[in-house]
Amino acid sequence: MITHFSPRTALTTCALCAAAVLALTPVAVAAGAEPTPPGVPGAAVPDPSFLYREGTQVRPHHGAPRVPDVSALSWLVADARSGDVLAAHEAHRKLPPASTLKTLFALTVLPALPVGDRHTVREEELEGIGEGSSRVGVAEGRTYRIADLWRGVFLNSGNDAVHVLASLNGGLQTTVERMQAKARALGALDTQVRSPDGYDTPGQVSSAYDLAVFGRAGLRNPDFARYCGTAVSRFPGGGGWSYEIENTNRLLTGADGVEPYPGLIGVKNGYTTDAGNTLVAAARRGGRTLVVTVMNPQAGGGFTVYEEARDLLDWGFEAAGRVEPVGSLDALLAKPRPGPHATPVAVAPDGGSGWPTAGVVSGAAVLGAAAVVLVLWGRRGMSARS
């Protein structure tokens, strides 16, 4: 029997196949598309590209508190548990991070070095520390527990302690490479690591988004959380004596006239000439934990970074449940490639690893329909020859 299959029938079949598949496929949010209007129940988190927009991003419900007036070049407020970004300003702007980059250093190196081990410091481990760096007082020939060195990193922001720990981790360059890989694995795509301690180095940058990612991830590590939340401790001075060291995060200690923030649990502050004042702060209230990043305030003095972080934390606790998320700290997490040898791939700002999901499925639908057409045409040809 000869089956007649006209070109018009083939094209109709192709179109119907493509349309059917597309009808069942969720459409990806286009870069730059407007988010779901504020206040609409169940409003979705916007596409990751939303946080790459200039200016302040917030989606308030009716009656939500106004975002405070903040002079920082970049800032972000997020829920530490869910990863929802409640509001942000220039979230992906690349800026020098100063010592807040030590959060990434700790995330990378803490799991590699048993905190109870002891180490006698060698001269070469203290070489190359930047001029004017903050130090905790690590001395050549003196023996320290790894835990002592970590307290020097978190409380005194000691670059000398960082250099010793980096040496134990395989050296400065190896540590920098591992920090860069860790940042990518966490979806922190703005960060370029050049020095493990955050010292001003050409090309070294991070962002409010990335630093919030690091702070949130750090709080999940019990050692990290304990160190960054310690206000005062003691550091070995040799010969059996020790001296007191105090956390430089004044929101935690209340030093220099800065009122301590109720419920503060860390994380890390910093300052360099290029970076200005930077801060990652986390606080817990009423069962909710917020993480805030403030980078380089342009108004006031050196303590403005703490007051702006305070204002953002206050706003975040008041606004929780009254704003729709403007993004997620999980949005750019690395995703495994399919197959037996899966490797991580960074998610692009549009939420995919290249082609948008809907585009890939659409292409597959059209190709599949085309294949059906070719098969049917082939059968027609064979029937005609028969």
Protein backbone atom coordinates (compact mmCIF):
# COMPACT_ATOMS: atom_id res chain seq x y z
CA MET A 1 0.00 0.00 0.00
CA ILE A 2 1.32 3.45 -0.93
CA THR A 3 1.02 6.15 1.75
CA HIS A 4 0.73 9.69 0.41
CA PHE A 5 2.44 12.21 2.74
CA SER A 6 2.37 15.73 1.34
CA PRO A 7 4.87 18.51 2.22
CA ARG A 8 2.02 20.45 3.84
CA THR A 9 1.28 17.47 6.09
CA ALA A 10 4.95 17.21 7.04
CA LEU A 11 5.20 20.86 7.98
CA THR A 12 1.98 20.65 9.99
CA THR A 13 3.30 17.62 11.87
CA CYS A 14 6.56 19.44 12.65
CA ALA A 15 4.79 22.54 13.92
CA LEU A 16 2.37 20.54 16.08
CA CYS A 17 5.24 18.56 17.67
CA ALA A 18 7.15 21.71 18.51
CA ALA A 19 4.09 23.48 19.86
CA ALA A 20 3.12 20.53 22.03
CA VAL A 21 6.52 20.30 23.65
CA LEU A 22 6.76 24.04 24.19
CA ALA A 23 3.35 24.10 25.79
CA LEU A 24 4.61 21.68 28.42
CA THR A 25 7.92 23.47 28.97
CA PRO A 26 8.32 26.27 31.58
CA VAL A 27 9.56 29.44 29.95
CA ALA A 28 12.84 30.83 31.37
CA VAL A 29 12.76 34.39 32.71
CA ALA A 30 14.46 36.62 30.19
CA ALA A 31 17.37 38.74 31.36
CA GLY A 32 16.06 42.14 32.28
CA ALA A 33 12.42 41.03 32.47
CA GLU A 34 10.28 42.72 35.09
CA PRO A 35 9.78 40.66 38.27
CA THR A 36 6.43 39.57 39.62
CA PRO A 37 4.72 42.64 41.10
CA PRO A 38 5.34 43.15 44.85
CA GLY A 39 2.69 41.84 47.15
CA VAL A 40 1.45 39.10 44.82
CA PRO A 41 1.21 35.84 46.81
CA GLY A 42 3.75 33.27 45.74
CA ALA A 43 5.79 35.73 43.70
CA ALA A 44 8.85 33.94 42.31
CA VAL A 45 12.46 34.88 42.97
CA PRO A 46 13.62 36.89 39.94
CA ASP A 47 16.16 35.66 37.44
CA PRO A 48 19.77 36.00 38.75
CA SER A 49 20.39 38.81 36.28
CA PHE A 50 18.01 41.00 38.31
CA LEU A 51 20.76 41.61 40.89
CA TYR A 52 23.15 42.77 38.17
CA ARG A 53 21.01 45.86 37.64
CA GLU A 54 22.23 49.24 38.78
CA GLY A 55 20.77 50.92 41.83
CA THR A 56 18.79 49.59 44.77
CA GLN A 57 16.66 46.49 44.23
CA VAL A 58 13.70 45.80 46.55
CA ARG A 59 10.15 44.44 46.02
CA PRO A 60 8.08 45.62 48.98
CA HIS A 61 4.55 44.64 49.91
CA HIS A 62 2.15 47.40 50.81
CA GLY A 63 3.14 48.81 54.20
CA ALA A 64 6.67 47.38 54.22
CA PRO A 65 9.33 49.62 55.83
CA ARG A 66 11.39 51.83 53.57
CA VAL A 67 14.95 50.80 52.86
CA PRO A 68 17.32 52.96 54.95
CA ASP A 69 19.48 55.63 53.37
CA VAL A 70 22.87 53.92 53.03
CA SER A 71 25.97 55.57 51.57
CA ALA A 72 27.94 52.37 50.88
CA LEU A 73 28.95 51.77 47.28
CA SER A 74 27.47 48.30 47.54
CA TRP A 75 25.35 46.44 50.12
CA LEU A 76 23.05 43.46 50.51
CA VAL A 77 20.60 42.00 53.05
CA ALA A 78 19.77 38.28 52.94
CA ASP A 79 18.08 35.58 54.98
CA ALA A 80 20.89 33.24 56.02
CA ARG A 81 18.65 30.18 56.20
CA SER A 82 16.81 30.40 52.89
CA GLY A 83 19.38 32.42 51.00
CA ASP A 84 16.68 34.90 49.88
CA VAL A 85 18.08 38.35 49.16
CA LEU A 86 15.65 40.84 50.69
CA ALA A 87 17.23 43.96 49.21
CA ALA A 88 20.51 44.99 47.61
CA HIS A 89 22.34 47.90 46.06
CA GLU A 90 24.87 47.22 43.29
CA ALA A 91 25.10 43.65 44.59
CA HIS A 92 27.59 42.47 41.96
CA ARG A 93 29.74 45.59 41.81
CA LYS A 94 33.37 44.43 41.95
CA LEU A 95 35.28 46.18 44.73
CA PRO A 96 38.37 45.49 46.86
CA PRO A 97 37.20 43.37 49.83
CA ALA A 98 39.96 44.05 52.40
CA SER A 99 39.96 41.55 55.28
CA THR A 100 36.41 40.36 54.63
CA LEU A 101 38.13 38.09 52.10
CA LYS A 102 39.43 36.15 55.11
CA THR A 103 35.97 34.58 55.23
CA LEU A 104 36.81 32.79 51.97
CA PHE A 105 40.26 31.94 53.31
CA ALA A 106 38.71 30.31 56.36
CA LEU A 107 36.11 28.44 54.30
CA THR A 108 38.93 27.03 52.19
CA VAL A 109 41.58 26.21 54.81
CA LEU A 110 39.67 25.43 58.04
CA PRO A 111 38.64 21.92 56.92
CA ALA A 112 42.23 21.07 55.92
CA LEU A 113 44.04 21.73 59.22
CA PRO A 114 43.12 19.98 62.50
CA VAL A 115 42.65 22.77 65.05
CA GLY A 116 44.32 20.79 67.84
CA ASP A 117 47.62 20.34 65.98
CA ARG A 118 50.68 22.35 67.00
CA HIS A 119 53.13 24.11 64.71
CA THR A 120 56.45 25.88 65.26
CA VAL A 121 56.64 28.94 63.03
CA ARG A 122 59.51 29.22 60.55
CA GLU A 123 61.06 32.48 59.33
CA GLU A 124 60.01 32.01 55.71
CA GLU A 125 56.37 31.67 56.74
CA LEU A 126 56.32 35.30 57.85
CA GLU A 127 57.85 36.69 54.66
CA GLY A 128 55.90 38.79 52.18
CA ILE A 129 53.37 40.26 54.63
CA GLY A 130 52.17 43.58 53.24
CA GLU A 131 53.39 46.83 54.74
CA GLY A 132 50.98 48.20 57.33
CA SER A 133 49.19 44.85 57.66
CA SER A 134 47.30 44.06 60.83
CA ARG A 135 49.15 41.45 62.91
CA VAL A 136 48.34 39.40 65.98
CA GLY A 137 51.98 38.93 67.01
CA VAL A 138 52.98 35.56 65.56
CA ALA A 139 56.71 35.06 66.19
CA GLU A 140 59.33 32.93 64.48
CA GLY A 141 60.35 29.89 66.52
CA ARG A 142 57.28 29.99 68.72
CA THR A 143 54.87 27.03 68.80
CA TYR A 144 51.14 27.59 68.38
CA ARG A 145 48.07 25.44 68.17
CA ILE A 146 46.20 25.80 64.89
CA ALA A 147 43.25 27.06 66.94
CA ASP A 148 45.44 29.89 68.31
CA LEU A 149 46.27 30.98 64.77
CA TRP A 150 42.62 30.95 63.75
CA ARG A 151 41.74 33.18 66.69
CA GLY A 152 44.47 35.51 65.46
CA VAL A 153 42.82 35.55 62.01
CA PHE A 154 39.25 36.13 63.15
CA LEU A 155 39.75 38.43 66.13
CA ASN A 156 42.84 40.46 65.27
CA SER A 157 42.58 40.03 61.49
CA GLY A 158 46.23 38.96 61.70
CA ASN A 159 47.87 38.68 58.31
CA ASP A 160 50.81 37.01 60.03
CA ALA A 161 48.53 34.19 61.18
CA VAL A 162 47.06 33.93 57.67
CA HIS A 163 50.51 33.52 56.12
CA VAL A 164 51.45 30.72 58.53
CA LEU A 165 48.17 28.86 57.94
CA ALA A 166 48.52 29.33 54.17
CA SER A 167 52.01 27.86 54.36
CA LEU A 168 50.62 24.80 56.13
CA ASN A 169 47.97 24.55 53.41
CA GLY A 170 50.55 24.14 50.65
CA GLY A 171 51.82 27.69 50.30
CA LEU A 172 50.43 31.09 49.37
CA GLN A 173 49.91 30.40 45.66
CA THR A 174 48.29 27.03 46.26
CA THR A 175 45.98 28.60 48.82
CA VAL A 176 45.04 31.41 46.43
CA GLU A 177 44.18 28.85 43.75
CA ARG A 178 42.10 26.80 46.17
CA MET A 179 40.29 29.92 47.38
CA GLN A 180 39.46 30.81 43.78
CA ALA A 181 38.12 27.33 43.14
CA LYS A 182 36.07 27.47 46.36
CA ALA A 183 34.56 30.80 45.34
CA ARG A 184 33.50 29.39 41.97
CA ALA A 185 32.01 26.28 43.57
CA LEU A 186 29.89 28.51 45.84
CA GLY A 187 28.64 30.58 42.90
CA ALA A 188 30.72 33.61 43.88
CA LEU A 189 31.61 34.62 40.34
CA ASP A 190 32.68 38.22 41.05
CA THR A 191 35.61 37.29 43.27
CA GLN A 192 39.19 37.37 42.00
CA VAL A 193 41.71 36.21 44.61
CA ARG A 194 45.27 37.52 44.54
CA SER A 195 46.25 37.39 48.23
CA PRO A 196 44.79 35.12 50.93
CA ASP A 197 44.63 37.86 53.57
CA GLY A 198 42.70 40.51 51.60
CA TYR A 199 45.64 42.93 51.42
CA ASP A 200 45.28 45.41 48.55
CA THR A 201 46.62 43.68 45.44
CA PRO A 202 46.00 44.69 41.80
CA GLY A 203 43.07 42.77 40.37
CA GLN A 204 41.78 41.50 43.70
CA VAL A 205 38.03 42.12 43.97
CA SER A 206 34.84 40.69 45.40
CA SER A 207 31.26 41.93 45.76
CA ALA A 208 28.54 42.36 48.35
CA TYR A 209 26.81 39.32 46.88
CA ASP A 210 29.90 37.09 47.05
CA LEU A 211 30.86 38.17 50.56
CA ALA A 212 27.34 37.38 51.76
CA VAL A 213 27.70 33.94 50.17
CA PHE A 214 30.96 33.41 52.08
CA GLY A 215 29.54 34.64 55.38
CA ARG A 216 26.46 32.46 55.09
CA ALA A 217 28.51 29.38 54.19
CA GLY A 218 30.91 30.05 57.04
CA LEU A 219 28.17 30.11 59.65
CA ARG A 220 27.39 26.50 58.74
CA ASN A 221 30.87 25.46 59.92
CA PRO A 222 30.88 25.19 63.75
CA ASP A 223 34.55 26.25 64.04
CA PHE A 224 34.04 29.24 61.75
CA ALA A 225 30.91 30.28 63.64
CA ARG A 226 32.65 29.97 67.01
CA TYR A 227 35.71 31.98 65.97
CA CYS A 228 33.82 34.78 64.22
CA GLY A 229 31.48 35.16 67.21
CA THR A 230 34.25 35.35 69.83
CA ALA A 231 34.61 38.84 71.26
CA VAL A 232 37.69 38.41 73.46
CA SER A 233 40.34 35.71 73.79
CA ARG A 234 44.00 35.23 74.69
CA PHE A 235 46.96 34.69 72.38
CA PRO A 236 50.22 32.91 73.29
CA GLY A 237 53.10 35.27 73.90
CA GLY A 238 55.80 32.71 74.61
CA GLY A 239 57.31 31.51 77.85
CA GLY A 240 53.97 30.38 79.16
CA TRP A 241 52.37 33.83 79.19
CA SER A 242 49.62 35.16 76.93
CA TYR A 243 47.92 38.44 76.16
CA GLU A 244 44.36 39.50 75.48
CA ILE A 245 43.11 40.03 71.95
CA GLU A 246 39.78 41.60 71.08
CA ASN A 247 37.65 41.13 67.98
CA THR A 248 37.95 44.14 65.66
CA ASN A 249 34.24 43.80 64.74
CA ARG A 250 32.88 46.62 66.88
CA LEU A 251 29.25 45.59 66.37
CA LEU A 252 30.22 42.51 68.35
CA THR A 253 32.39 44.07 71.08
CA GLY A 254 30.94 47.56 71.44
CA ALA A 255 34.47 49.04 71.31
CA ASP A 256 35.25 52.66 70.49
CA GLY A 257 31.77 53.86 71.33
CA VAL A 258 29.98 51.65 68.79
CA GLU A 259 26.90 50.17 70.43
CA PRO A 260 26.94 46.36 70.14
CA TYR A 261 24.16 44.93 68.02
CA PRO A 262 21.70 42.66 69.88
CA GLY A 263 21.88 39.11 68.61
CA LEU A 264 25.03 39.62 66.54
CA ILE A 265 26.83 36.34 65.78
CA GLY A 266 29.77 37.56 63.59
CA VAL A 267 31.19 37.64 60.85
CA LYS A 268 34.18 39.80 59.69
CA ASN A 269 35.18 43.40 59.14
CA GLY A 270 38.03 44.89 57.13
CA TYR A 271 39.81 48.03 56.06
CA THR A 272 42.44 48.94 53.49
CA THR A 273 43.28 52.12 51.62
CA ASP A 274 41.71 50.88 48.38
CA ALA A 275 38.72 49.09 49.92
CA GLY A 276 37.77 51.58 52.59
CA ASN A 277 35.73 49.98 55.37
CA THR A 278 34.01 46.69 54.62
CA LEU A 279 31.87 44.43 56.78
CA VAL A 280 29.99 41.15 56.67
CA ALA A 281 27.67 40.93 59.69
CA ALA A 282 25.17 38.29 60.79
CA ALA A 283 22.58 38.52 63.55
CA ARG A 284 19.82 36.31 64.92
CA ARG A 285 16.44 37.48 66.20
CA GLY A 286 13.20 35.60 66.77
CA GLY A 287 14.40 32.45 65.05
CA ARG A 288 15.57 34.32 61.95
CA THR A 289 19.20 34.91 60.95
CA LEU A 290 20.17 37.69 58.57
CA VAL A 291 23.49 38.31 56.85
CA VAL A 292 24.39 41.82 55.70
CA THR A 293 27.28 43.09 53.59
CA VAL A 294 28.39 46.73 53.52
CA MET A 295 31.22 47.85 51.24
CA ASN A 296 32.94 51.22 51.41
CA PRO A 297 30.52 53.79 52.91
CA GLN A 298 30.98 57.24 51.39
CA ALA A 299 29.66 59.27 54.32
CA GLY A 300 30.81 59.72 57.91
CA GLY A 301 33.96 58.34 59.51
CA GLY A 302 35.51 54.93 59.94
CA PHE A 303 32.65 53.59 62.05
CA THR A 304 29.91 54.41 59.53
CA VAL A 305 30.18 50.87 58.18
CA TYR A 306 28.83 49.56 61.52
CA GLU A 307 25.96 52.03 61.69
CA GLU A 308 24.89 51.32 58.13
CA ALA A 309 25.04 47.59 58.83
CA ARG A 310 22.93 48.20 61.94
CA ASP A 311 20.33 50.09 59.92
CA LEU A 312 20.19 47.33 57.31
CA LEU A 313 19.84 44.60 59.93
CA ASP A 314 17.04 46.52 61.64
CA TRP A 315 15.30 46.97 58.30
CA GLY A 316 15.77 43.30 57.39
CA PHE A 317 14.19 42.02 60.60
CA GLU A 318 11.28 44.43 60.25
CA ALA A 319 10.80 43.74 56.54
CA ALA A 320 11.04 39.95 56.71
CA GLY A 321 7.81 38.51 55.31
CA ARG A 322 6.84 41.90 53.94
CA VAL A 323 9.03 41.95 50.86
CA GLU A 324 9.47 39.55 47.96
CA PRO A 325 13.02 38.28 47.36
CA VAL A 326 15.04 40.11 44.74
CA GLY A 327 17.43 37.19 44.33
CA SER A 328 19.01 34.22 46.04
CA LEU A 329 22.47 33.47 47.42
CA ASP A 330 22.06 30.01 45.87
CA ALA A 331 21.25 31.32 42.39
CA LEU A 332 24.74 30.92 40.92
CA LEU A 333 25.79 27.71 42.67
CA ALA A 334 27.83 25.36 40.52
CA LYS A 335 25.83 22.58 38.90
CA PRO A 336 27.24 19.16 37.93
CA ARG A 337 27.43 18.21 34.29
CA PRO A 338 25.51 15.02 33.44
CA GLY A 339 27.49 11.89 32.81
CA PRO A 340 29.87 9.53 34.62
CA HIS A 341 32.60 12.16 34.91
CA ALA A 342 30.52 15.06 36.21
CA THR A 343 32.38 18.31 36.81
CA PRO A 344 31.04 21.55 38.30
CA VAL A 345 30.02 24.31 35.90
CA ALA A 346 29.32 27.86 37.02
CA VAL A 347 25.80 29.04 36.31
CA ALA A 348 25.63 32.07 34.03
CA PRO A 349 23.88 35.25 35.23
CA ASP A 350 20.81 34.33 33.16
CA GLY A 351 20.35 31.28 35.36
CA GLY A 352 21.80 28.75 32.93
CA SER A 353 25.17 27.45 31.83
CA GLY A 354 24.78 28.94 28.35
CA TRP A 355 21.52 28.49 26.43
CA PRO A 356 18.37 29.23 28.47
CA THR A 357 16.50 26.06 29.45
CA ALA A 358 13.46 26.90 27.35
CA GLY A 359 15.68 27.52 24.33
CA VAL A 360 17.38 24.14 24.68
CA VAL A 361 14.07 22.30 25.01
CA SER A 362 12.59 24.26 22.12
CA GLY A 363 15.53 23.35 19.91
CA ALA A 364 15.22 19.71 20.87
CA ALA A 365 11.50 19.78 20.03
CA VAL A 366 12.08 21.24 16.58
CA LEU A 367 14.92 18.81 15.84
CA GLY A 368 12.76 15.91 16.99
CA ALA A 369 9.89 16.99 14.79
CA ALA A 370 12.25 17.42 11.85
CA ALA A 371 13.50 13.88 12.39
CA VAL A 372 9.91 12.58 12.21
CA VAL A 373 9.42 14.43 8.93
CA LEU A 374 12.60 12.96 7.42
CA VAL A 375 11.57 9.43 8.40
CA LEU A 376 8.11 9.83 6.87
CA TRP A 377 9.55 11.36 3.70
CA GLY A 378 11.99 8.47 3.49
CA ARG A 379 9.16 5.97 3.73
CA ARG A 380 7.24 7.83 1.04
CA GLY A 381 10.22 7.66 -1.27
CA MET A 382 10.68 3.95 -0.68
CA SER A 383 6.96 3.30 -1.25
CA ALA A 384 7.01 5.28 -4.48
CA ARG A 385 10.02 3.31 -5.76
CA SER A 386 8.25 0.07 -4.82
